[in-house]
Amino acid sequence: MQFNSFSEVLAMGGYGAYVWSSVAIVFAVLLMLIVHSCTAKNRTLRLLRIEQERAEKISQAKVANAQALFDKR
């Protein structure tokens, strides 16, 4: 299909409203997907960092508790 002017491209043979609204919807959904993926990744990394810090604190507390029990003997 060949177009003679830019207005014909926009009109798309009478189907321009459907075509361009579909294109806009696709780009909007792709943008939302990208934003959601980035925020989910950041949230997951933050939760993993918190969990890792918590596990490290527990490990340090166990070592300190074991050391205190050993020193009492």
PDB file of N, CA and C in Angstrom:
ATOM      1  N   MET A   1       0.841  -1.161   0.000  1.00  0.00           N
ATOM      2  CA  MET A   1       0.000   0.000   0.000  1.00  0.00           C
ATOM      3  C   MET A   1       0.895   1.235   0.000  1.00  0.00           C
ATOM      4  N   GLN A   2       0.629   2.144  -0.905  1.00  0.00           N
ATOM      5  CA  GLN A   2       1.434   3.341  -1.023  1.00  0.00           C
ATOM      6  C   GLN A   2       0.544   4.561  -0.801  1.00  0.00           C
ATOM      7  N   PHE A   3       1.086   5.520  -0.095  1.00  0.00           N
ATOM      8  CA  PHE A   3       0.335   6.729   0.212  1.00  0.00           C
ATOM      9  C   PHE A   3       0.960   7.910  -0.522  1.00  0.00           C
ATOM     10  N   ASN A   4       0.104   8.822  -0.969  1.00  0.00           N
ATOM     11  CA  ASN A   4       0.582   9.987  -1.706  1.00  0.00           C
ATOM     12  C   ASN A   4       0.849  11.182  -0.807  1.00  0.00           C
ATOM     13  N   SER A   5       0.269  11.192   0.381  1.00  0.00           N
ATOM     14  CA  SER A   5       0.494  12.319   1.289  1.00  0.00           C
ATOM     15  C   SER A   5       0.453  11.824   2.734  1.00  0.00           C
ATOM     16  N   PHE A   6       0.915  12.693   3.601  1.00  0.00           N
ATOM     17  CA  PHE A   6       0.931  12.345   5.018  1.00  0.00           C
ATOM     18  C   PHE A   6      -0.482  12.235   5.568  1.00  0.00           C
ATOM     19  N   SER A   7      -1.399  13.032   5.066  1.00  0.00           N
ATOM     20  CA  SER A   7      -2.784  12.956   5.530  1.00  0.00           C
ATOM     21  C   SER A   7      -3.427  11.623   5.157  1.00  0.00           C
ATOM     22  N   GLU A   8      -2.996  11.032   4.046  1.00  0.00           N
ATOM     23  CA  GLU A   8      -3.487   9.703   3.680  1.00  0.00           C
ATOM     24  C   GLU A   8      -2.945   8.641   4.630  1.00  0.00           C
ATOM     25  N   VAL A   9      -1.715   8.849   5.074  1.00  0.00           N
ATOM     26  CA  VAL A   9      -1.130   7.922   6.048  1.00  0.00           C
ATOM     27  C   VAL A   9      -1.945   7.973   7.340  1.00  0.00           C
ATOM     28  N   LEU A  10      -2.267   9.188   7.780  1.00  0.00           N
ATOM     29  CA  LEU A  10      -3.049   9.333   9.007  1.00  0.00           C
ATOM     30  C   LEU A  10      -4.460   8.785   8.843  1.00  0.00           C
ATOM     31  N   ALA A  11      -5.033   8.935   7.664  1.00  0.00           N
ATOM     32  CA  ALA A  11      -6.408   8.469   7.429  1.00  0.00           C
ATOM     33  C   ALA A  11      -6.460   6.954   7.280  1.00  0.00           C
ATOM     34  N   MET A  12      -5.409   6.345   6.772  1.00  0.00           N
ATOM     35  CA  MET A  12      -5.328   4.896   6.576  1.00  0.00           C
ATOM     36  C   MET A  12      -6.555   4.343   5.853  1.00  0.00           C
ATOM     37  N   GLY A  13      -6.940   5.025   4.814  1.00  0.00           N
ATOM     38  CA  GLY A  13      -8.060   4.540   4.014  1.00  0.00           C
ATOM     39  C   GLY A  13      -9.374   4.513   4.776  1.00  0.00           C
ATOM     40  N   GLY A  14      -9.542   5.403   5.711  1.00  0.00           N
ATOM     41  CA  GLY A  14     -10.776   5.456   6.495  1.00  0.00           C
ATOM     42  C   GLY A  14     -10.697   4.713   7.816  1.00  0.00           C
ATOM     43  N   TYR A  15      -9.621   3.989   8.031  1.00  0.00           N
ATOM     44  CA  TYR A  15      -9.467   3.208   9.260  1.00  0.00           C
ATOM     45  C   TYR A  15      -8.433   3.817  10.212  1.00  0.00           C
ATOM     46  N   GLY A  16      -8.037   5.038   9.959  1.00  0.00           N
ATOM     47  CA  GLY A  16      -6.992   5.691  10.736  1.00  0.00           C
ATOM     48  C   GLY A  16      -7.286   5.760  12.224  1.00  0.00           C
ATOM     49  N   ALA A  17      -8.527   6.053  12.577  1.00  0.00           N
ATOM     50  CA  ALA A  17      -8.873   6.154  13.998  1.00  0.00           C
ATOM     51  C   ALA A  17      -8.645   4.823  14.706  1.00  0.00           C
ATOM     52  N   TYR A  18      -9.005   3.742  14.063  1.00  0.00           N
ATOM     53  CA  TYR A  18      -8.821   2.417  14.668  1.00  0.00           C
ATOM     54  C   TYR A  18      -7.342   2.032  14.724  1.00  0.00           C
ATOM     55  N   VAL A  19      -6.644   2.295  13.618  1.00  0.00           N
ATOM     56  CA  VAL A  19      -5.240   1.919  13.538  1.00  0.00           C
ATOM     57  C   VAL A  19      -4.415   2.699  14.555  1.00  0.00           C
ATOM     58  N   TRP A  20      -4.545   4.014  14.566  1.00  0.00           N
ATOM     59  CA  TRP A  20      -3.703   4.835  15.422  1.00  0.00           C
ATOM     60  C   TRP A  20      -4.091   4.714  16.888  1.00  0.00           C
ATOM     61  N   SER A  21      -5.371   4.487  17.173  1.00  0.00           N
ATOM     62  CA  SER A  21      -5.732   4.260  18.576  1.00  0.00           C
ATOM     63  C   SER A  21      -5.176   2.916  19.056  1.00  0.00           C
ATOM     64  N   SER A  22      -5.163   1.934  18.174  1.00  0.00           N
ATOM     65  CA  SER A  22      -4.569   0.632  18.534  1.00  0.00           C
ATOM     66  C   SER A  22      -3.069   0.765  18.781  1.00  0.00           C
ATOM     67  N   VAL A  23      -2.405   1.523  17.941  1.00  0.00           N
ATOM     68  CA  VAL A  23      -0.969   1.754  18.119  1.00  0.00           C
ATOM     69  C   VAL A  23      -0.722   2.463  19.444  1.00  0.00           C
ATOM     70  N   ALA A  24      -1.534   3.465  19.761  1.00  0.00           N
ATOM     71  CA  ALA A  24      -1.377   4.198  21.022  1.00  0.00           C
ATOM     72  C   ALA A  24      -1.606   3.283  22.216  1.00  0.00           C
ATOM     73  N   ILE A  25      -2.612   2.424  22.137  1.00  0.00           N
ATOM     74  CA  ILE A  25      -2.896   1.497  23.233  1.00  0.00           C
ATOM     75  C   ILE A  25      -1.734   0.529  23.431  1.00  0.00           C
ATOM     76  N   VAL A  26      -1.182   0.015  22.347  1.00  0.00           N
ATOM     77  CA  VAL A  26      -0.058  -0.920  22.436  1.00  0.00           C
ATOM     78  C   VAL A  26       1.139  -0.246  23.106  1.00  0.00           C
ATOM     79  N   PHE A  27       1.457   0.976  22.680  1.00  0.00           N
ATOM     80  CA  PHE A  27       2.589   1.679  23.287  1.00  0.00           C
ATOM     81  C   PHE A  27       2.325   2.002  24.755  1.00  0.00           C
ATOM     82  N   ALA A  28       1.090   2.351  25.100  1.00  0.00           N
ATOM     83  CA  ALA A  28       0.754   2.632  26.497  1.00  0.00           C
ATOM     84  C   ALA A  28       0.924   1.378  27.357  1.00  0.00           C
ATOM     85  N   VAL A  29       0.460   0.238  26.838  1.00  0.00           N
ATOM     86  CA  VAL A  29       0.592  -1.017  27.587  1.00  0.00           C
ATOM     87  C   VAL A  29       2.062  -1.403  27.735  1.00  0.00           C
ATOM     88  N   LEU A  30       2.836  -1.232  26.684  1.00  0.00           N
ATOM     89  CA  LEU A  30       4.272  -1.538  26.770  1.00  0.00           C
ATOM     90  C   LEU A  30       4.969  -0.632  27.783  1.00  0.00           C
ATOM     91  N   LEU A  31       4.609   0.638  27.803  1.00  0.00           N
ATOM     92  CA  LEU A  31       5.192   1.555  28.776  1.00  0.00           C
ATOM     93  C   LEU A  31       4.812   1.157  30.199  1.00  0.00           C
ATOM     94  N   MET A  32       3.549   0.789  30.411  1.00  0.00           N
ATOM     95  CA  MET A  32       3.119   0.342  31.738  1.00  0.00           C
ATOM     96  C   MET A  32       3.858  -0.932  32.146  1.00  0.00           C
ATOM     97  N   LEU A  33       4.083  -1.829  31.208  1.00  0.00           N
ATOM     98  CA  LEU A  33       4.807  -3.063  31.499  1.00  0.00           C
ATOM     99  C   LEU A  33       6.249  -2.770  31.913  1.00  0.00           C
ATOM    100  N   ILE A  34       6.880  -1.838  31.221  1.00  0.00           N
ATOM    101  CA  ILE A  34       8.254  -1.475  31.559  1.00  0.00           C
ATOM    102  C   ILE A  34       8.316  -0.850  32.949  1.00  0.00           C
ATOM    103  N   VAL A  35       7.395   0.068  33.231  1.00  0.00           N
ATOM    104  CA  VAL A  35       7.375   0.731  34.540  1.00  0.00           C
ATOM    105  C   VAL A  35       7.113  -0.286  35.646  1.00  0.00           C
ATOM    106  N   HIS A  36       6.141  -1.174  35.425  1.00  0.00           N
ATOM    107  CA  HIS A  36       5.820  -2.187  36.432  1.00  0.00           C
ATOM    108  C   HIS A  36       7.003  -3.123  36.674  1.00  0.00           C
ATOM    109  N   SER A  37       7.674  -3.524  35.612  1.00  0.00           N
ATOM    110  CA  SER A  37       8.830  -4.420  35.751  1.00  0.00           C
ATOM    111  C   SER A  37       9.952  -3.761  36.542  1.00  0.00           C
ATOM    112  N   CYS A  38      10.200  -2.494  36.267  1.00  0.00           N
ATOM    113  CA  CYS A  38      11.264  -1.786  36.990  1.00  0.00           C
ATOM    114  C   CYS A  38      10.920  -1.628  38.467  1.00  0.00           C
ATOM    115  N   THR A  39       9.688  -1.273  38.768  1.00  0.00           N
ATOM    116  CA  THR A  39       9.308  -1.099  40.171  1.00  0.00           C
ATOM    117  C   THR A  39       9.291  -2.440  40.897  1.00  0.00           C
ATOM    118  N   ALA A  40       8.869  -3.496  40.233  1.00  0.00           N
ATOM    119  CA  ALA A  40       8.872  -4.822  40.862  1.00  0.00           C
ATOM    120  C   ALA A  40      10.297  -5.288  41.132  1.00  0.00           C
ATOM    121  N   LYS A  41      11.196  -5.016  40.203  1.00  0.00           N
ATOM    122  CA  LYS A  41      12.603  -5.387  40.402  1.00  0.00           C
ATOM    123  C   LYS A  41      13.182  -4.646  41.593  1.00  0.00           C
ATOM    124  N   ASN A  42      12.935  -3.343  41.662  1.00  0.00           N
ATOM    125  CA  ASN A  42      13.458  -2.548  42.777  1.00  0.00           C
ATOM    126  C   ASN A  42      12.874  -3.008  44.104  1.00  0.00           C
ATOM    127  N   ARG A  43      11.581  -3.321  44.127  1.00  0.00           N
ATOM    128  CA  ARG A  43      10.938  -3.802  45.348  1.00  0.00           C
ATOM    129  C   ARG A  43      11.545  -5.137  45.771  1.00  0.00           C
ATOM    130  N   THR A  44      11.759  -6.034  44.826  1.00  0.00           N
ATOM    131  CA  THR A  44      12.338  -7.342  45.132  1.00  0.00           C
ATOM    132  C   THR A  44      13.756  -7.208  45.660  1.00  0.00           C
ATOM    133  N   LEU A  45      14.547  -6.352  45.034  1.00  0.00           N
ATOM    134  CA  LEU A  45      15.921  -6.148  45.504  1.00  0.00           C
ATOM    135  C   LEU A  45      15.938  -5.554  46.907  1.00  0.00           C
ATOM    136  N   ARG A  46      15.022  -4.620  47.178  1.00  0.00           N
ATOM    137  CA  ARG A  46      14.954  -4.022  48.514  1.00  0.00           C
ATOM    138  C   ARG A  46      14.570  -5.069  49.555  1.00  0.00           C
ATOM    139  N   LEU A  47      13.593  -5.913  49.238  1.00  0.00           N
ATOM    140  CA  LEU A  47      13.176  -6.957  50.174  1.00  0.00           C
ATOM    141  C   LEU A  47      14.279  -7.984  50.393  1.00  0.00           C
ATOM    142  N   LEU A  48      15.001  -8.316  49.345  1.00  0.00           N
ATOM    143  CA  LEU A  48      16.127  -9.253  49.491  1.00  0.00           C
ATOM    144  C   LEU A  48      17.222  -8.662  50.367  1.00  0.00           C
ATOM    145  N   ARG A  49      17.495  -7.362  50.189  1.00  0.00           N
ATOM    146  CA  ARG A  49      18.514  -6.713  51.016  1.00  0.00           C
ATOM    147  C   ARG A  49      18.091  -6.707  52.483  1.00  0.00           C
ATOM    148  N   ILE A  50      16.808  -6.427  52.745  1.00  0.00           N
ATOM    149  CA  ILE A  50      16.305  -6.439  54.123  1.00  0.00           C
ATOM    150  C   ILE A  50      16.407  -7.837  54.711  1.00  0.00           C
ATOM    151  N   GLU A  51      16.035  -8.837  53.946  1.00  0.00           N
ATOM    152  CA  GLU A  51      16.094 -10.223  54.425  1.00  0.00           C
ATOM    153  C   GLU A  51      17.535 -10.648  54.692  1.00  0.00           C
ATOM    154  N   GLN A  52      18.439 -10.228  53.826  1.00  0.00           N
ATOM    155  CA  GLN A  52      19.859 -10.565  54.012  1.00  0.00           C
ATOM    156  C   GLN A  52      20.410  -9.899  55.270  1.00  0.00           C
ATOM    157  N   GLU A  53      20.047  -8.646  55.505  1.00  0.00           N
ATOM    158  CA  GLU A  53      20.488  -7.961  56.718  1.00  0.00           C
ATOM    159  C   GLU A  53      19.919  -8.633  57.961  1.00  0.00           C
ATOM    160  N   ARG A  54      18.656  -9.046  57.895  1.00  0.00           N
ATOM    161  CA  ARG A  54      18.021  -9.735  59.022  1.00  0.00           C
ATOM    162  C   ARG A  54      18.733 -11.052  59.312  1.00  0.00           C
ATOM    163  N   ALA A  55      19.047 -11.814  58.273  1.00  0.00           N
ATOM    164  CA  ALA A  55      19.733 -13.094  58.452  1.00  0.00           C
ATOM    165  C   ALA A  55      21.132 -12.877  59.031  1.00  0.00           C
ATOM    166  N   GLU A  56      21.785 -11.795  58.600  1.00  0.00           N
ATOM    167  CA  GLU A  56      23.121 -11.505  59.123  1.00  0.00           C
ATOM    168  C   GLU A  56      23.053 -11.139  60.612  1.00  0.00           C
ATOM    169  N   LYS A  57      22.047 -10.360  61.002  1.00  0.00           N
ATOM    170  CA  LYS A  57      21.878 -10.003  62.413  1.00  0.00           C
ATOM    171  C   LYS A  57      21.603 -11.240  63.262  1.00  0.00           C
ATOM    172  N   ILE A  58      20.785 -12.154  62.745  1.00  0.00           N
ATOM    173  CA  ILE A  58      20.476 -13.389  63.474  1.00  0.00           C
ATOM    174  C   ILE A  58      21.744 -14.217  63.643  1.00  0.00           C
ATOM    175  N   SER A  59      22.522 -14.304  62.577  1.00  0.00           N
ATOM    176  CA  SER A  59      23.767 -15.070  62.637  1.00  0.00           C
ATOM    177  C   SER A  59      24.732 -14.465  63.654  1.00  0.00           C
ATOM    178  N   GLN A  60      24.851 -13.155  63.651  1.00  0.00           N
ATOM    179  CA  GLN A  60      25.735 -12.491  64.618  1.00  0.00           C
ATOM    180  C   GLN A  60      25.244 -12.696  66.047  1.00  0.00           C
ATOM    181  N   ALA A  61      23.919 -12.668  66.239  1.00  0.00           N
ATOM    182  CA  ALA A  61      23.362 -12.883  67.580  1.00  0.00           C
ATOM    183  C   ALA A  61      23.627 -14.305  68.050  1.00  0.00           C
ATOM    184  N   LYS A  62      23.538 -15.270  67.157  1.00  0.00           N
ATOM    185  CA  LYS A  62      23.819 -16.661  67.535  1.00  0.00           C
ATOM    186  C   LYS A  62      25.276 -16.829  67.937  1.00  0.00           C
ATOM    187  N   VAL A  63      26.161 -16.209  67.173  1.00  0.00           N
ATOM    188  CA  VAL A  63      27.588 -16.301  67.494  1.00  0.00           C
ATOM    189  C   VAL A  63      27.853 -15.637  68.838  1.00  0.00           C
ATOM    190  N   ALA A  64      27.266 -14.480  69.062  1.00  0.00           N
ATOM    191  CA  ALA A  64      27.470 -13.765  70.331  1.00  0.00           C
ATOM    192  C   ALA A  64      26.897 -14.564  71.497  1.00  0.00           C
ATOM    193  N   ASN A  65      25.745 -15.188  71.294  1.00  0.00           N
ATOM    194  CA  ASN A  65      25.122 -16.012  72.336  1.00  0.00           C
ATOM    195  C   ASN A  65      25.986 -17.230  72.644  1.00  0.00           C
ATOM    196  N   ALA A  66      26.495 -17.870  71.609  1.00  0.00           N
ATOM    197  CA  ALA A  66      27.352 -19.039  71.813  1.00  0.00           C
ATOM    198  C   ALA A  66      28.640 -18.627  72.530  1.00  0.00           C
ATOM    199  N   GLN A  67      29.185 -17.477  72.168  1.00  0.00           N
ATOM    200  CA  GLN A  67      30.397 -17.004  72.808  1.00  0.00           C
ATOM    201  C   GLN A  67      30.130 -16.695  74.283  1.00  0.00           C
ATOM    202  N   ALA A  68      28.980 -16.095  74.585  1.00  0.00           N
ATOM    203  CA  ALA A  68      28.641 -15.782  75.978  1.00  0.00           C
ATOM    204  C   ALA A  68      28.466 -17.039  76.788  1.00  0.00           C
ATOM    205  N   LEU A  69      27.852 -18.057  76.215  1.00  0.00           N
ATOM    206  CA  LEU A  69      27.687 -19.338  76.920  1.00  0.00           C
ATOM    207  C   LEU A  69      29.033 -20.001  77.161  1.00  0.00           C
ATOM    208  N   PHE A  70      29.925 -19.909  76.192  1.00  0.00           N
ATOM    209  CA  PHE A  70      31.256 -20.512  76.320  1.00  0.00           C
ATOM    210  C   PHE A  70      32.075 -19.777  77.391  1.00  0.00           C
ATOM    211  N   ASP A  71      31.940 -18.455  77.461  1.00  0.00           N
ATOM    212  CA  ASP A  71      32.697 -17.672  78.433  1.00  0.00           C
ATOM    213  C   ASP A  71      32.218 -17.928  79.871  1.00  0.00           C
ATOM    214  N   LYS A  72      30.981 -18.337  80.061  1.00  0.00           N
ATOM    215  CA  LYS A  72      30.448 -18.594  81.400  1.00  0.00           C
ATOM    216  C   LYS A  72      31.020 -19.875  81.983  1.00  0.00           C
ATOM    217  N   ARG A  73      31.513 -20.742  81.170  1.00  0.00           N
ATOM    218  CA  ARG A  73      32.035 -22.022  81.661  1.00  0.00           C
ATOM    219  C   ARG A  73      33.321 -21.855  82.329  1.00  0.00           C
TER     220      ARG A  73
END
